[in-house]
């Protein structure tokens, strides 16, 4: 029996464990551990991995699982709410990046068809890296989260048309108009199939599976749906990754999306790590070292120009300056699907081997610094938004607040998700004036039409809070899901108005003390409140007295340093 692939996978995980451990010890992004491990084991390094093609196939599974989980975290409804960010923001970003990349390639002496192809390559950003880092940092609900996700969704959708354009650019397409027409027909057909499946058939099938109470069957059903829809889109001439994303959207429309996400996440993390290793295998470390100045200059220019263009595209979609700048910084790298395009371009003669190595070296360099850029994106975005010229130019957008406030005081709520909506409904029942700040422009338009006193603005900025009447408010209630965004809002509020009572929500135990140090008087930790609710229900089942229940819940809160 041939154990080659098993030996290769064992080597990959061995090198990866050591590389990631070393990155933790040196306090540098763990992504570098995977990339360096791949470069060391690959054909341009020590040549330890023989089954490179098989590893690349497993890495493609990782990308599919990543997009499947992204689809699970979204829904068709949320995607429709984000349509402006996806179509306007994403479309403008890709278009501007293609033009800029093409002009730069023409300046370097490349022919027009190769220049357009280079524009395709640099227009895409890394869904795998950006979303992984933002999810780990809890920033998907922050101001720059929605525009970042909107642009990435559009990029993932546009990959297939780009692949179809490669034969046209290379002059290999026999009937371009017919091929483009077939693509449109297939895309519409797949879209309708997904729509009807999400609304009717998949939820009905999942209900029957769940009733059997077999976790293994549920997991296999999820994988069957994900891989099946991905294969269906591939057979139709679309991409496997797009099919996996659509499969996630289908499952998210059922009542079991959150449970499905929790079961798929471990598989996603394992296979996604293989993707980063496979990217490292493509790189020739000798070429990188020999051309280090050109690579670093090229990477720096690419990051700067792409951040500027992406930020401008996000502004066109109606976001704040802080959110647009944060999205631009987070999306300034080259994406994983660019490697797929690069291989297709090589096969079509649009890129030679030297050009491919330059592209790989610059791309890996931009990917390597992405975790740092994503971590800095929110803070840098706010600093950029505070530049006087930008504050003047976008004052109306940033401070979309015009209604007078009652002198009796009001609640100022930041974020209008489920928790923010519950606070607003409570205020309506109790007759308390309530004003909401939200960074999603579509939510603002929709809820304002429903009569909610909601305004578009980044609450992590002191000037926005002042315009919202922070100094006249009874209390500030922070309900945004992102832990880092909550910290910035609390810090800004206490700097602007030290005496304002602050009620803040955070998902993590570890963030509670940080929020209290920033000045939040009342911190609600979601995990802790879930524990209290569980204990309360258990004690009720055991017929405990109200006094016993009160004592036990108080004990939990005191021993968790909880301040209600």
Protein backbone atom coordinates (compact mmCIF):
# COMPACT_ATOMS: atom_id res chain seq x y z
CA UNK A 1 0.00 0.00 0.00
CA UNK A 2 1.28 3.46 -0.95
CA UNK A 3 1.45 5.74 2.08
CA UNK A 4 2.98 8.73 0.27
CA UNK A 5 0.09 11.14 0.82
CA UNK A 6 -0.16 10.10 4.49
CA UNK A 7 3.55 10.73 4.98
CA UNK A 8 3.22 14.13 3.28
CA UNK A 9 0.28 15.20 5.44
CA UNK A 10 2.15 14.08 8.57
CA UNK A 11 5.16 16.15 7.52
CA UNK A 12 2.95 19.15 6.80
CA UNK A 13 1.30 19.06 10.20
CA UNK A 14 4.63 18.44 11.95
CA UNK A 15 6.28 21.43 10.30
CA UNK A 16 3.14 23.52 10.78
CA UNK A 17 2.92 22.77 14.51
CA UNK A 18 6.55 23.77 14.98
CA UNK A 19 6.15 26.87 12.78
CA UNK A 20 3.00 28.08 14.54
CA UNK A 21 4.55 27.41 17.98
CA UNK A 22 7.59 29.47 16.95
CA UNK A 23 5.33 32.29 15.74
CA UNK A 24 3.55 32.34 19.10
CA UNK A 25 6.89 32.44 20.90
CA UNK A 26 8.07 35.35 18.74
CA UNK A 27 4.66 37.07 18.92
CA UNK A 28 4.28 37.29 15.15
CA UNK A 29 1.23 36.27 13.04
CA UNK A 30 0.76 32.49 12.92
CA UNK A 31 0.00 32.72 9.20
CA UNK A 32 3.73 33.16 8.64
CA UNK A 33 4.30 29.76 10.25
CA UNK A 34 2.15 28.05 7.61
CA UNK A 35 3.69 30.00 4.72
CA UNK A 36 7.28 29.37 5.83
CA UNK A 37 6.52 25.69 6.49
CA UNK A 38 5.14 25.33 2.97
CA UNK A 39 8.14 27.09 1.42
CA UNK A 40 10.56 24.87 3.36
CA UNK A 41 8.83 21.59 2.41
CA UNK A 42 7.86 22.48 -1.16
CA UNK A 43 9.64 21.77 -4.45
CA UNK A 44 11.61 25.04 -4.23
CA UNK A 45 12.76 24.22 -0.68
CA UNK A 46 13.88 20.85 0.66
CA UNK A 47 11.46 18.99 -1.60
CA UNK A 48 10.09 16.90 1.26
CA UNK A 49 6.50 16.76 -0.06
CA UNK A 50 6.05 14.49 -3.05
CA UNK A 51 2.27 14.71 -3.47
CA UNK A 52 2.09 18.46 -4.13
CA UNK A 53 -0.96 18.12 -6.38
CA UNK A 54 -2.89 16.11 -3.77
CA UNK A 55 -2.06 18.70 -1.11
CA UNK A 56 -3.37 21.44 -3.41
CA UNK A 57 -6.62 19.51 -3.78
CA UNK A 58 -6.98 19.29 0.00
CA UNK A 59 -6.22 23.01 0.20
CA UNK A 60 -9.06 23.66 -2.25
CA UNK A 61 -11.34 21.77 0.13
CA UNK A 62 -10.20 24.21 2.82
CA UNK A 63 -11.22 27.21 0.71
CA UNK A 64 -14.57 25.53 0.00
CA UNK A 65 -15.19 24.94 3.71
CA UNK A 66 -14.22 28.52 4.48
CA UNK A 67 -16.77 29.87 2.02
CA UNK A 68 -19.34 27.35 3.27
CA UNK A 69 -18.97 28.75 6.80
CA UNK A 70 -19.18 32.31 5.47
CA UNK A 71 -22.46 31.40 3.82
CA UNK A 72 -23.67 29.87 7.09
CA UNK A 73 -22.94 33.07 8.96
CA UNK A 74 -24.85 35.09 6.38
CA UNK A 75 -28.30 34.44 4.97
CA UNK A 76 -30.12 35.34 1.80
CA UNK A 77 -31.92 38.05 3.77
CA UNK A 78 -28.67 39.54 5.10
CA UNK A 79 -27.12 39.33 1.64
CA UNK A 80 -30.02 41.32 0.21
CA UNK A 81 -29.58 43.89 2.98
CA UNK A 82 -25.91 44.18 1.98
CA UNK A 83 -26.63 44.53 -1.72
CA UNK A 84 -25.39 48.14 -1.86
CA UNK A 85 -22.13 47.24 -0.13
CA UNK A 86 -21.72 44.18 -2.38
CA UNK A 87 -22.72 45.64 -5.74
CA UNK A 88 -21.61 49.27 -5.39
CA UNK A 89 -18.68 48.86 -3.01
CA UNK A 90 -17.42 45.56 -4.40
CA UNK A 91 -18.05 46.49 -8.03
CA UNK A 92 -16.25 49.83 -7.70
CA UNK A 93 -13.32 48.25 -5.86
CA UNK A 94 -12.77 45.54 -8.47
CA UNK A 95 -13.20 47.97 -11.36
CA UNK A 96 -10.81 50.57 -9.95
CA UNK A 97 -8.21 47.93 -9.05
CA UNK A 98 -8.32 46.40 -12.54
CA UNK A 99 -7.78 49.82 -14.13
CA UNK A 100 -4.92 50.72 -11.75
CA UNK A 101 -3.22 47.33 -12.11
CA UNK A 102 -3.62 47.38 -15.88
CA UNK A 103 -2.12 50.86 -16.20
CA UNK A 104 0.84 49.85 -14.02
CA UNK A 105 1.43 46.76 -16.18
CA UNK A 106 1.24 48.84 -19.37
CA UNK A 107 3.82 51.22 -17.88
CA UNK A 108 6.12 48.22 -17.39
CA UNK A 109 5.83 47.38 -21.10
CA UNK A 110 3.33 44.49 -21.00
CA UNK A 111 0.82 44.10 -23.85
CA UNK A 112 -2.80 45.14 -23.32
CA UNK A 113 -4.21 41.62 -22.79
CA UNK A 114 -1.56 40.75 -20.18
CA UNK A 115 -2.07 44.14 -18.51
CA UNK A 116 -5.80 43.50 -18.08
CA UNK A 117 -4.97 40.06 -16.70
CA UNK A 118 -2.59 41.62 -14.14
CA UNK A 119 -5.46 43.92 -13.17
CA UNK A 120 -7.60 40.85 -12.51
CA UNK A 121 -4.91 39.37 -10.24
CA UNK A 122 -4.37 42.44 -8.06
CA UNK A 123 -8.08 43.28 -7.75
CA UNK A 124 -8.84 40.27 -5.52
CA UNK A 125 -8.23 40.15 -1.77
CA UNK A 126 -7.84 37.23 0.62
CA UNK A 127 -11.19 36.02 1.93
CA UNK A 128 -9.45 33.23 3.84
CA UNK A 129 -7.01 35.44 5.77
CA UNK A 130 -9.09 38.57 6.32
CA UNK A 131 -12.25 36.85 7.57
CA UNK A 132 -10.28 34.40 9.71
CA UNK A 133 -8.41 37.22 11.49
CA UNK A 134 -11.53 39.41 11.84
CA UNK A 135 -13.55 36.50 13.23
CA UNK A 136 -10.80 35.67 15.74
CA UNK A 137 -10.69 39.32 16.84
CA UNK A 138 -14.49 39.62 16.98
CA UNK A 139 -14.51 42.55 14.51
CA UNK A 140 -17.06 41.35 11.97
CA UNK A 141 -19.68 43.50 13.70
CA UNK A 142 -17.40 46.55 13.85
CA UNK A 143 -17.81 49.62 11.60
CA UNK A 144 -15.47 48.29 8.90
CA UNK A 145 -16.86 44.74 9.07
CA UNK A 146 -19.85 45.14 6.69
CA UNK A 147 -17.98 46.97 3.88
CA UNK A 148 -15.11 44.48 4.15
CA UNK A 149 -17.48 41.53 3.84
CA UNK A 150 -19.43 43.20 1.04
CA UNK A 151 -16.32 43.70 -1.09
CA UNK A 152 -15.11 40.13 -0.43
CA UNK A 153 -18.48 38.65 -1.42
CA UNK A 154 -18.41 40.53 -4.73
CA UNK A 155 -14.83 39.42 -5.37
CA UNK A 156 -15.76 35.78 -4.78
CA UNK A 157 -18.67 36.13 -7.21
CA UNK A 158 -16.60 37.84 -9.91
CA UNK A 159 -13.86 35.17 -9.98
CA UNK A 160 -15.83 32.97 -12.39
CA UNK A 161 -16.40 35.69 -15.01
CA UNK A 162 -12.69 36.50 -14.76
CA UNK A 163 -11.80 32.87 -15.45
CA UNK A 164 -14.13 32.93 -18.47
CA UNK A 165 -12.40 36.09 -19.70
CA UNK A 166 -8.93 34.49 -19.75
CA UNK A 167 -9.48 32.60 -23.05
CA UNK A 168 -10.87 35.83 -24.53
CA UNK A 169 -7.78 37.79 -23.44
CA UNK A 170 -5.53 35.05 -24.83
CA UNK A 171 -7.47 34.89 -28.12
CA UNK A 172 -8.42 31.25 -27.52
CA UNK A 173 -12.23 31.56 -27.25
CA UNK A 174 -14.06 30.19 -30.28
CA UNK A 175 -17.34 32.03 -29.66
CA UNK A 176 -17.01 34.61 -26.83
CA UNK A 177 -20.58 35.89 -27.01
CA UNK A 178 -22.03 32.38 -26.84
CA UNK A 179 -19.82 31.41 -23.89
CA UNK A 180 -20.76 34.58 -21.98
CA UNK A 181 -24.45 34.00 -22.69
CA UNK A 182 -24.24 30.42 -21.44
CA UNK A 183 -22.56 31.63 -18.27
CA UNK A 184 -25.40 34.09 -17.59
CA UNK A 185 -28.03 31.40 -18.19
CA UNK A 186 -26.26 28.93 -15.91
CA UNK A 187 -25.81 31.53 -13.19
CA UNK A 188 -29.52 32.41 -13.26
CA UNK A 189 -30.48 28.73 -13.19
CA UNK A 190 -28.20 27.97 -10.24
CA UNK A 191 -29.47 31.07 -8.43
CA UNK A 192 -33.11 30.02 -8.83
CA UNK A 193 -32.30 26.48 -7.73
CA UNK A 194 -30.56 27.76 -4.60
CA UNK A 195 -33.42 30.15 -3.84
CA UNK A 196 -36.11 27.46 -4.00
CA UNK A 197 -33.91 24.96 -2.15
CA UNK A 198 -33.21 27.43 0.64
CA UNK A 199 -36.87 28.31 1.03
CA UNK A 200 -38.39 24.88 0.94
CA UNK A 201 -36.57 21.62 0.32
CA UNK A 202 -33.35 21.88 2.36
CA UNK A 203 -35.06 23.03 5.61
CA UNK A 204 -37.59 20.20 5.22
CA UNK A 205 -34.82 17.63 4.74
CA UNK A 206 -32.83 18.97 7.71
CA UNK A 207 -35.88 18.74 9.96
CA UNK A 208 -36.16 15.02 9.22
CA UNK A 209 -32.45 14.48 9.84
CA UNK A 210 -32.49 16.38 13.14
CA UNK A 211 -35.47 14.38 14.39
CA UNK A 212 -33.29 11.26 14.29
CA UNK A 213 -30.93 12.90 16.84
CA UNK A 214 -27.85 11.46 15.15
CA UNK A 215 -24.95 13.99 15.12
CA UNK A 216 -22.94 11.96 12.61
CA UNK A 217 -25.86 11.87 10.18
CA UNK A 218 -26.37 15.61 10.55
CA UNK A 219 -22.69 16.30 9.83
CA UNK A 220 -22.66 13.97 6.81
CA UNK A 221 -25.80 15.66 5.51
CA UNK A 222 -24.10 19.06 5.80
CA UNK A 223 -21.02 17.85 3.95
CA UNK A 224 -23.21 16.22 1.30
CA UNK A 225 -25.08 19.48 0.74
CA UNK A 226 -21.91 21.57 0.67
CA UNK A 227 -19.94 19.30 -1.66
CA UNK A 228 -23.01 18.44 -3.76
CA UNK A 229 -23.95 22.04 -4.52
CA UNK A 230 -20.27 22.87 -5.10
CA UNK A 231 -20.00 20.04 -7.63
CA UNK A 232 -23.24 21.15 -9.25
CA UNK A 233 -21.89 24.66 -9.81
CA UNK A 234 -18.58 23.23 -11.07
CA UNK A 235 -20.39 21.01 -13.58
CA UNK A 236 -22.30 24.09 -14.73
CA UNK A 237 -19.01 25.85 -15.45
CA UNK A 238 -18.94 27.93 -12.27
CA UNK A 239 -16.49 27.55 -9.37
CA UNK A 240 -16.44 25.04 -6.54
CA UNK A 241 -15.90 27.83 -4.03
CA UNK A 242 -18.96 29.74 -5.23
CA UNK A 243 -21.04 26.58 -4.91
CA UNK A 244 -19.83 26.05 -1.35
CA UNK A 245 -20.78 29.64 -0.49
CA UNK A 246 -24.26 29.14 -1.96
CA UNK A 247 -24.62 25.88 -0.01
CA UNK A 248 -23.86 27.74 3.20
CA UNK A 249 -26.52 30.31 2.34
CA UNK A 250 -29.03 27.51 1.77
CA UNK A 251 -28.37 25.89 5.16
CA UNK A 252 -28.37 29.26 6.94
CA UNK A 253 -32.01 29.75 5.93
CA UNK A 254 -33.00 26.75 8.07
CA UNK A 255 -33.34 26.72 11.86
CA UNK A 256 -30.08 24.81 12.22
CA UNK A 257 -27.57 27.22 10.73
CA UNK A 258 -25.79 27.99 14.02
CA UNK A 259 -25.54 24.32 14.96
CA UNK A 260 -24.21 23.52 11.48
CA UNK A 261 -21.59 26.24 11.82
CA UNK A 262 -20.32 24.85 15.12
CA UNK A 263 -19.92 21.37 13.61
CA UNK A 264 -18.13 22.47 10.43
CA UNK A 265 -15.68 24.93 12.02
CA UNK A 266 -13.07 22.33 13.17
CA UNK A 267 -12.89 20.85 9.67
CA UNK A 268 -12.59 24.31 8.17
CA UNK A 269 -9.66 25.26 10.40
CA UNK A 270 -7.71 22.10 9.55
CA UNK A 271 -8.20 22.30 5.79
CA UNK A 272 -7.68 26.06 5.64
CA UNK A 273 -4.25 25.60 7.25
CA UNK A 274 -3.42 23.25 4.37
CA UNK A 275 -4.31 26.04 1.97
CA UNK A 276 -1.77 28.40 3.53
CA UNK A 277 0.86 25.66 3.42
CA UNK A 278 0.11 25.02 -0.26
CA UNK A 279 0.56 28.75 -1.01
CA UNK A 280 3.96 28.62 0.65
CA UNK A 281 4.91 25.64 -1.53
CA UNK A 282 4.39 27.69 -4.68
CA UNK A 283 7.03 30.23 -3.69
CA UNK A 284 10.68 30.00 -4.67
CA UNK A 285 12.57 31.28 -1.63
CA UNK A 286 15.73 31.71 -3.73
CA UNK A 287 13.93 33.99 -6.20
CA UNK A 288 12.40 35.92 -3.28
CA UNK A 289 15.82 36.52 -1.71
CA UNK A 290 17.49 37.44 -5.01
CA UNK A 291 14.83 40.04 -5.83
CA UNK A 292 14.05 41.21 -2.30
CA UNK A 293 14.17 45.01 -2.95
CA UNK A 294 11.85 44.79 -5.97
CA UNK A 295 9.47 42.48 -4.10
CA UNK A 296 9.26 44.72 -1.03
CA UNK A 297 8.79 47.89 -3.08
CA UNK A 298 6.14 46.19 -5.22
CA UNK A 299 4.31 44.89 -2.14
CA UNK A 300 4.38 48.30 -0.42
CA UNK A 301 3.05 50.09 -3.52
CA UNK A 302 0.35 47.48 -4.01
CA UNK A 303 -0.82 47.74 -0.38
CA UNK A 304 -0.91 51.55 -0.47
CA UNK A 305 -2.73 51.87 -3.80
CA UNK A 306 -5.19 49.08 -3.10
CA UNK A 307 -6.04 50.45 0.35
CA UNK A 308 -6.76 53.84 -1.20
CA UNK A 309 -8.93 52.41 -3.99
CA UNK A 310 -10.85 50.07 -1.68
CA UNK A 311 -11.50 52.87 0.78
CA UNK A 312 -12.80 55.07 -2.03
CA UNK A 313 -15.07 52.30 -3.28
CA UNK A 314 -16.50 51.81 0.22
CA UNK A 315 -17.23 55.53 0.44
CA UNK A 316 -19.18 55.24 -2.81
CA UNK A 317 -21.28 52.55 -1.12
CA UNK A 318 -22.28 55.02 1.60
CA UNK A 319 -20.09 54.03 4.55
CA UNK A 320 -18.37 56.38 6.99
CA UNK A 321 -14.79 57.50 6.41
CA UNK A 322 -13.61 55.40 9.37
CA UNK A 323 -15.34 52.28 8.06
CA UNK A 324 -14.11 52.87 4.50
CA UNK A 325 -10.52 53.45 5.62
CA UNK A 326 -10.62 50.36 7.84
CA UNK A 327 -11.95 48.22 4.99
CA UNK A 328 -9.28 49.58 2.65
CA UNK A 329 -6.47 48.70 5.06
CA UNK A 330 -7.91 45.24 5.75
CA UNK A 331 -8.27 44.39 2.03
CA UNK A 332 -4.92 45.69 0.78
CA UNK A 333 -3.44 42.25 0.02
CA UNK A 334 -3.67 39.83 -2.91
CA UNK A 335 -6.21 37.00 -2.54
CA UNK A 336 -6.07 33.23 -2.74
CA UNK A 337 -8.23 33.08 -5.86
CA UNK A 338 -5.59 35.15 -7.63
CA UNK A 339 -3.39 32.04 -7.54
CA UNK A 340 -6.10 30.12 -9.38
CA UNK A 341 -6.28 32.89 -11.98
CA UNK A 342 -2.48 33.01 -12.23
CA UNK A 343 -2.29 29.30 -13.06
CA UNK A 344 -4.99 29.67 -15.71
CA UNK A 345 -3.15 32.69 -17.13
CA UNK A 346 0.10 30.73 -17.26
CA UNK A 347 -1.61 27.95 -19.19
CA UNK A 348 -3.10 30.52 -21.61
CA UNK A 349 0.22 32.28 -22.19
CA UNK A 350 -0.70 35.54 -20.47
CA UNK A 351 2.13 35.26 -17.95
CA UNK A 352 5.62 33.74 -18.11
CA UNK A 353 7.39 31.88 -15.30
CA UNK A 354 9.42 34.90 -14.16
CA UNK A 355 6.30 37.02 -14.01
CA UNK A 356 4.57 34.29 -12.02
CA UNK A 357 7.38 34.20 -9.45
CA UNK A 358 7.30 37.99 -9.09
CA UNK A 359 3.55 37.80 -8.59
CA UNK A 360 3.85 34.98 -6.04
CA UNK A 361 6.60 36.74 -4.08
CA UNK A 362 4.71 40.05 -3.90
CA UNK A 363 1.43 38.31 -3.11
CA UNK A 364 2.89 36.23 -0.28
CA UNK A 365 4.57 39.37 1.13
CA UNK A 366 1.20 41.18 1.20
CA UNK A 367 -0.48 38.14 2.74
CA UNK A 368 2.20 37.87 5.42
CA UNK A 369 1.51 41.38 6.75
CA UNK A 370 -2.27 41.05 6.45
CA UNK A 371 -2.90 39.89 10.07
CA UNK A 372 -1.09 43.01 11.30
CA UNK A 373 -2.99 45.27 8.90
CA UNK A 374 -6.36 43.76 9.88
CA UNK A 375 -5.53 44.24 13.56
CA UNK A 376 -4.70 47.90 12.91
CA UNK A 377 -7.53 48.58 10.46
CA UNK A 378 -10.14 49.76 12.97
CA UNK A 379 -7.84 52.11 14.89
CA UNK A 380 -6.17 53.53 11.78
CA UNK A 381 -9.57 54.01 10.19
CA UNK A 382 -10.68 56.20 13.07
CA UNK A 383 -7.44 58.21 12.95
CA UNK A 384 -7.84 58.79 9.22
CA UNK A 385 -11.46 59.86 9.75
CA UNK A 386 -10.27 62.48 12.26
CA UNK A 387 -8.19 64.31 9.62
CA UNK A 388 -9.71 67.84 9.42
CA UNK A 389 -10.12 67.83 5.63
CA UNK A 390 -12.00 64.52 5.63
CA UNK A 391 -14.13 65.58 8.60
CA UNK A 392 -15.18 68.67 6.65
CA UNK A 393 -15.83 66.87 3.38
CA UNK A 394 -17.88 64.06 4.92
CA UNK A 395 -19.39 65.88 7.89
CA UNK A 396 -22.98 65.22 6.81
CA UNK A 397 -22.35 61.51 6.37
CA UNK A 398 -20.43 61.08 9.59
CA UNK A 399 -22.83 63.11 11.71
CA UNK A 400 -26.18 62.23 10.22
CA UNK A 401 -28.02 63.67 13.20
CA UNK A 402 -30.47 66.51 13.06
CA UNK A 403 -33.37 65.98 15.45
CA UNK A 404 -33.52 67.98 18.69
CA UNK A 405 -33.36 66.14 21.99
CA UNK A 406 -35.73 66.25 24.91
CA UNK A 407 -34.24 68.08 27.89
CA UNK A 408 -35.55 65.24 30.07
CA UNK A 409 -32.88 62.89 28.73
CA UNK A 410 -32.86 59.86 26.45
CA UNK A 411 -31.19 56.53 25.96
CA UNK A 412 -28.42 56.54 23.37
CA UNK A 413 -28.13 53.04 21.88
CA UNK A 414 -25.14 52.02 19.76
CA UNK A 415 -25.91 49.20 17.33
CA UNK A 416 -29.31 47.96 16.15
CA UNK A 417 -28.96 44.21 16.09
CA UNK A 418 -31.13 41.92 18.20
CA UNK A 419 -29.97 43.44 21.51
CA UNK A 420 -30.25 47.02 20.31
CA UNK A 421 -33.72 46.37 18.96
CA UNK A 422 -34.78 44.87 22.31
CA UNK A 423 -33.55 47.99 24.15
CA UNK A 424 -35.43 50.23 21.73
CA UNK A 425 -38.66 48.25 22.22
CA UNK A 426 -38.25 48.50 26.01
CA UNK A 427 -37.83 52.27 25.71
CA UNK A 428 -41.01 52.47 23.61
CA UNK A 429 -43.01 50.51 26.17
CA UNK A 430 -41.69 52.62 29.05
CA UNK A 431 -42.06 55.95 27.26
CA UNK A 432 -38.32 56.71 27.39
CA UNK A 433 -36.88 58.79 24.49
CA UNK A 434 -34.41 56.63 22.59
CA UNK A 435 -31.94 57.40 19.81
CA UNK A 436 -29.86 54.82 17.91
CA UNK A 437 -26.48 55.07 16.18
CA UNK A 438 -25.76 52.46 13.50
CA UNK A 439 -23.01 52.06 10.87
CA UNK A 440 -24.98 49.96 8.38
CA UNK A 441 -26.58 52.44 5.95
CA UNK A 442 -29.21 49.96 4.75
CA UNK A 443 -30.35 49.27 8.32
CA UNK A 444 -30.60 53.02 8.94
CA UNK A 445 -32.77 53.58 5.86
CA UNK A 446 -35.05 50.64 6.61
CA UNK A 447 -35.56 51.32 10.31
CA UNK A 448 -35.95 55.07 9.84
CA UNK A 449 -38.80 54.30 7.45
CA UNK A 450 -40.31 52.19 10.27
CA UNK A 451 -40.27 55.18 12.63
CA UNK A 452 -37.09 54.43 14.60
CA UNK A 453 -35.03 57.46 15.64
CA UNK A 454 -31.91 55.96 14.09
CA UNK A 455 -28.94 57.75 12.57
CA UNK A 456 -25.84 56.80 10.63
CA UNK A 457 -22.63 57.41 12.55
CA UNK A 458 -19.49 55.81 13.99
CA UNK A 459 -19.96 55.90 17.77
CA UNK A 460 -16.24 55.36 18.39
CA UNK A 461 -15.76 59.03 17.44
CA UNK A 462 -16.25 61.67 20.10
CA UNK A 463 -17.68 64.24 17.69
CA UNK A 464 -20.38 61.82 16.54
CA UNK A 465 -21.32 61.12 20.18
CA UNK A 466 -21.48 64.83 20.94
CA UNK A 467 -23.82 65.42 17.98
CA UNK A 468 -25.96 62.52 19.18
CA UNK A 469 -26.47 64.36 22.46
CA UNK A 470 -24.31 62.21 24.70
CA UNK A 471 -24.11 64.94 27.33
CA UNK A 472 -27.93 65.01 27.57
CA UNK A 473 -28.44 61.25 27.63
CA UNK A 474 -29.66 59.23 30.60
CA UNK A 475 -27.26 56.44 29.65
CA UNK A 476 -25.23 55.01 26.80
CA UNK A 477 -26.09 51.42 25.84
CA UNK A 478 -23.49 49.66 23.67
CA UNK A 479 -24.89 46.54 21.95
CA UNK A 480 -22.46 45.99 19.05
CA UNK A 481 -21.26 42.35 18.86
CA UNK A 482 -17.58 43.14 18.23
CA UNK A 483 -15.57 43.22 21.46
CA UNK A 484 -12.90 45.58 20.10
CA UNK A 485 -15.52 47.97 18.69
CA UNK A 486 -17.27 48.03 22.09
CA UNK A 487 -14.01 49.01 23.78
CA UNK A 488 -13.44 51.89 21.35
CA UNK A 489 -17.01 53.18 21.84
CA UNK A 490 -16.75 53.07 25.65
CA UNK A 491 -13.36 54.80 25.59
CA UNK A 492 -14.65 57.55 23.29
CA UNK A 493 -17.81 58.05 25.39
CA UNK A 494 -15.91 58.37 28.66
CA UNK A 495 -13.41 60.77 27.08
CA UNK A 496 -16.25 62.92 25.74
CA UNK A 497 -18.50 62.74 28.81
CA UNK A 498 -16.89 61.11 31.88
CA UNK A 499 -20.11 61.15 33.94
CA UNK A 500 -22.32 59.31 31.42
CA UNK A 501 -23.50 55.92 32.75
CA UNK A 502 -22.46 53.18 30.31
CA UNK A 503 -24.11 49.78 29.87
CA UNK A 504 -21.98 47.59 27.60
CA UNK A 505 -22.47 44.15 26.13
CA UNK A 506 -19.53 41.84 25.44
CA UNK A 507 -19.46 38.21 24.29
CA UNK A 508 -16.34 37.19 26.23
CA UNK A 509 -15.49 36.80 29.94
CA UNK A 510 -12.02 38.23 29.35
CA UNK A 511 -13.37 41.50 27.93
CA UNK A 512 -15.47 42.38 30.98
CA UNK A 513 -12.60 43.66 33.12
CA UNK A 514 -11.18 45.65 30.19
CA UNK A 515 -14.51 47.44 29.72
CA UNK A 516 -14.73 48.24 33.42
CA UNK A 517 -11.21 49.67 33.34
CA UNK A 518 -12.31 51.89 30.45
CA UNK A 519 -15.13 53.23 32.63
CA UNK A 520 -18.18 51.10 31.84
CA UNK A 521 -20.25 50.93 35.04
CA UNK A 522 -22.46 48.04 33.92
CA UNK A 523 -21.02 45.18 31.86
CA UNK A 524 -23.22 42.36 30.57
CA UNK A 525 -21.17 39.33 29.54
CA UNK A 526 -23.20 37.15 27.20
CA UNK A 527 -21.48 33.90 28.21
CA UNK A 528 -21.96 34.66 31.91
CA UNK A 529 -25.62 35.56 31.52
CA UNK A 530 -26.16 32.31 29.68
CA UNK A 531 -24.62 30.50 32.68
CA UNK A 532 -26.91 32.38 35.06
CA UNK A 533 -29.95 31.49 32.94
CA UNK A 534 -28.95 27.82 32.91
CA UNK A 535 -28.45 27.74 36.69
CA UNK A 536 -31.79 29.47 37.26
CA UNK A 537 -33.66 26.93 35.16
CA UNK A 538 -31.89 23.97 36.79
CA UNK A 539 -32.74 25.25 40.27
CA UNK A 540 -36.35 25.74 39.25
CA UNK A 541 -36.46 22.13 38.09
CA UNK A 542 -35.16 21.05 41.50
CA UNK A 543 -37.90 23.20 43.15
CA UNK A 544 -35.42 25.54 44.81
CA UNK A 545 -36.84 28.58 46.60
CA UNK A 546 -36.52 32.09 45.10
CA UNK A 547 -34.07 32.93 47.90
CA UNK A 548 -31.85 29.95 47.00
CA UNK A 549 -31.95 30.88 43.33
CA UNK A 550 -30.98 34.48 44.13
CA UNK A 551 -28.08 33.32 46.32
CA UNK A 552 -26.72 30.91 43.70
CA UNK A 553 -26.87 33.39 40.84
CA UNK A 554 -25.24 36.04 43.02
CA UNK A 555 -22.48 33.57 43.88
CA UNK A 556 -21.81 32.95 40.16
CA UNK A 557 -21.62 36.66 39.42
CA UNK A 558 -19.38 37.47 42.38
CA UNK A 559 -16.98 34.65 41.63
CA UNK A 560 -16.75 35.82 38.02
CA UNK A 561 -16.09 39.38 39.19
CA UNK A 562 -19.36 40.35 37.59
CA UNK A 563 -20.69 43.87 38.10
CA UNK A 564 -24.37 44.08 37.24
